[in-house]
C-alpha atoms as a PDB file:
ATOM      1  CA  UNK A   1     -18.224   2.410  34.745  1.00  0.00           C
ATOM      2  CA  UNK A   2     -20.370   1.808  32.387  1.00  0.00           C
ATOM      3  CA  UNK A   3     -18.613   5.429  30.457  1.00  0.00           C
ATOM      4  CA  UNK A   4     -15.235   4.330  31.790  1.00  0.00           C
ATOM      5  CA  UNK A   5     -16.171   1.184  29.334  1.00  0.00           C
ATOM      6  CA  UNK A   6     -17.264   3.014  26.130  1.00  0.00           C
ATOM      7  CA  UNK A   7     -13.805   5.217  26.557  1.00  0.00           C
ATOM      8  CA  UNK A   8     -11.541   1.979  26.261  1.00  0.00           C
ATOM      9  CA  UNK A   9     -12.946   1.238  22.880  1.00  0.00           C
ATOM     10  CA  UNK A  10     -13.552   4.062  20.951  1.00  0.00           C
ATOM     11  CA  UNK A  11     -15.037   1.680  17.559  1.00  0.00           C
ATOM     12  CA  UNK A  12     -17.754  -0.263  17.640  1.00  0.00           C
ATOM     13  CA  UNK A  13     -18.126  -4.568  17.409  1.00  0.00           C
ATOM     14  CA  UNK A  14     -18.967  -3.742  13.542  1.00  0.00           C
ATOM     15  CA  UNK A  15     -16.456  -0.856  12.596  1.00  0.00           C
ATOM     16  CA  UNK A  16     -13.906  -3.593  14.125  1.00  0.00           C
ATOM     17  CA  UNK A  17     -14.988  -5.850  11.782  1.00  0.00           C
ATOM     18  CA  UNK A  18     -15.391  -4.169   8.834  1.00  0.00           C
ATOM     19  CA  UNK A  19     -12.194  -2.828   9.289  1.00  0.00           C
ATOM     20  CA  UNK A  20     -11.123  -6.576  10.549  1.00  0.00           C
ATOM     21  CA  UNK A  21     -12.402  -7.584   6.590  1.00  0.00           C
ATOM     22  CA  UNK A  22     -10.690  -4.500   5.233  1.00  0.00           C
ATOM     23  CA  UNK A  23      -8.032  -6.383   6.207  1.00  0.00           C
ATOM     24  CA  UNK A  24      -7.640  -9.528   5.549  1.00  0.00           C
ATOM     25  CA  UNK A  25      -8.729  -8.819   2.116  1.00  0.00           C
ATOM     26  CA  UNK A  26      -6.369  -6.588   1.330  1.00  0.00           C
ATOM     27  CA  UNK A  27      -4.764  -5.863  -1.813  1.00  0.00           C
ATOM     28  CA  UNK A  28      -6.597  -9.023  -3.574  1.00  0.00           C
ATOM     29  CA  UNK A  29      -8.522  -7.497  -7.180  1.00  0.00           C
ATOM     30  CA  UNK A  30     -10.095 -10.268  -8.859  1.00  0.00           C
ATOM     31  CA  UNK A  31      -8.800 -12.961  -7.079  1.00  0.00           C
ATOM     32  CA  UNK A  32      -5.572 -11.654  -7.108  1.00  0.00           C
ATOM     33  CA  UNK A  33      -3.186 -10.180  -4.764  1.00  0.00           C
ATOM     34  CA  UNK A  34      -0.759  -6.745  -5.128  1.00  0.00           C
ATOM     35  CA  UNK A  35       1.856  -9.324  -4.804  1.00  0.00           C
ATOM     36  CA  UNK A  36       0.773 -11.607  -7.358  1.00  0.00           C
ATOM     37  CA  UNK A  37       0.147  -8.159  -9.452  1.00  0.00           C
ATOM     38  CA  UNK A  38       3.463  -7.128  -9.836  1.00  0.00           C
ATOM     39  CA  UNK A  39       5.873 -10.065  -8.842  1.00  0.00           C
ATOM     40  CA  UNK A  40       9.095  -9.093  -6.802  1.00  0.00           C
ATOM     41  CA  UNK A  41      10.364  -7.510  -9.203  1.00  0.00           C
ATOM     42  CA  UNK A  42       7.721  -5.031  -8.715  1.00  0.00           C
ATOM     43  CA  UNK A  43       8.102  -4.913  -5.268  1.00  0.00           C
ATOM     44  CA  UNK A  44      11.606  -4.446  -5.816  1.00  0.00           C
ATOM     45  CA  UNK A  45      10.908  -1.169  -7.468  1.00  0.00           C
ATOM     46  CA  UNK A  46       8.695  -0.114  -5.871  1.00  0.00           C
ATOM     47  CA  UNK A  47      10.670  -0.209  -2.817  1.00  0.00           C
ATOM     48  CA  UNK A  48      13.438   1.826  -4.922  1.00  0.00           C
ATOM     49  CA  UNK A  49      11.721   4.572  -5.243  1.00  0.00           C
ATOM     50  CA  UNK A  50      10.001   4.536  -1.853  1.00  0.00           C
ATOM     51  CA  UNK A  51      13.308   4.406   0.012  1.00  0.00           C
ATOM     52  CA  UNK A  52      14.194   7.178  -2.040  1.00  0.00           C
ATOM     53  CA  UNK A  53      12.221   9.583  -0.818  1.00  0.00           C
ATOM     54  CA  UNK A  54      12.040  12.028   2.217  1.00  0.00           C
ATOM     55  CA  UNK A  55      10.077  14.550   4.210  1.00  0.00           C
ATOM     56  CA  UNK A  56      11.507  17.065   2.117  1.00  0.00           C
ATOM     57  CA  UNK A  57      10.925  15.375  -1.324  1.00  0.00           C
ATOM     58  CA  UNK A  58       8.733  12.325  -2.818  1.00  0.00           C
ATOM     59  CA  UNK A  59      11.306   9.052  -4.447  1.00  0.00           C
ATOM     60  CA  UNK A  60      10.128   9.949  -7.837  1.00  0.00           C
ATOM     61  CA  UNK A  61      12.234  13.361  -7.541  1.00  0.00           C
ATOM     62  CA  UNK A  62      14.824  12.088  -4.895  1.00  0.00           C
ATOM     63  CA  UNK A  63      15.462   9.531  -7.603  1.00  0.00           C
ATOM     64  CA  UNK A  64      15.707  12.367 -10.784  1.00  0.00           C
ATOM     65  CA  UNK A  65      17.573  14.716  -8.133  1.00  0.00           C
ATOM     66  CA  UNK A  66      19.964  10.982  -8.278  1.00  0.00           C
ATOM     67  CA  UNK A  67      19.660  10.562 -12.074  1.00  0.00           C
ATOM     68  CA  UNK A  68      18.698   7.173 -10.144  1.00  0.00           C
ATOM     69  CA  UNK A  69      15.877   5.683 -12.776  1.00  0.00           C
ATOM     70  CA  UNK A  70      12.745   4.219 -11.593  1.00  0.00           C
ATOM     71  CA  UNK A  71      10.909   1.477 -13.912  1.00  0.00           C
ATOM     72  CA  UNK A  72       7.405   2.518 -12.217  1.00  0.00           C
ATOM     73  CA  UNK A  73       6.650  -0.288 -15.754  1.00  0.00           C
ATOM     74  CA  UNK A  74       7.326  -3.022 -13.192  1.00  0.00           C
ATOM     75  CA  UNK A  75       4.540  -1.682 -10.881  1.00  0.00           C
ATOM     76  CA  UNK A  76       2.074  -0.049 -12.373  1.00  0.00           C
ATOM     77  CA  UNK A  77      -0.622  -2.244 -11.993  1.00  0.00           C
ATOM     78  CA  UNK A  78      -1.899  -2.994 -16.454  1.00  0.00           C
ATOM     79  CA  UNK A  79      -5.028  -2.864 -17.894  1.00  0.00           C
ATOM     80  CA  UNK A  80      -7.245  -6.572 -18.279  1.00  0.00           C
ATOM     81  CA  UNK A  81      -7.678  -4.984 -21.987  1.00  0.00           C
ATOM     82  CA  UNK A  82      -4.232  -5.968 -22.580  1.00  0.00           C
END
């Protein structure tokens, strides 16, 4: 019975806690979440690029082939020096 229980849960309790904590903190840098850093327009632009990707081509390649301009400056994190 003990061996059956060990197969039910492959991650240790500590590993599970670390995953939960990482998810809670996810995207935070210097107190700001990624959403706060890039804003609505940044997420929209990133989504446009991601929506064009396929198994054969990245979003960047597909956009270039279709003549769609993607403004990466809207979602690239700017350095703290600027």
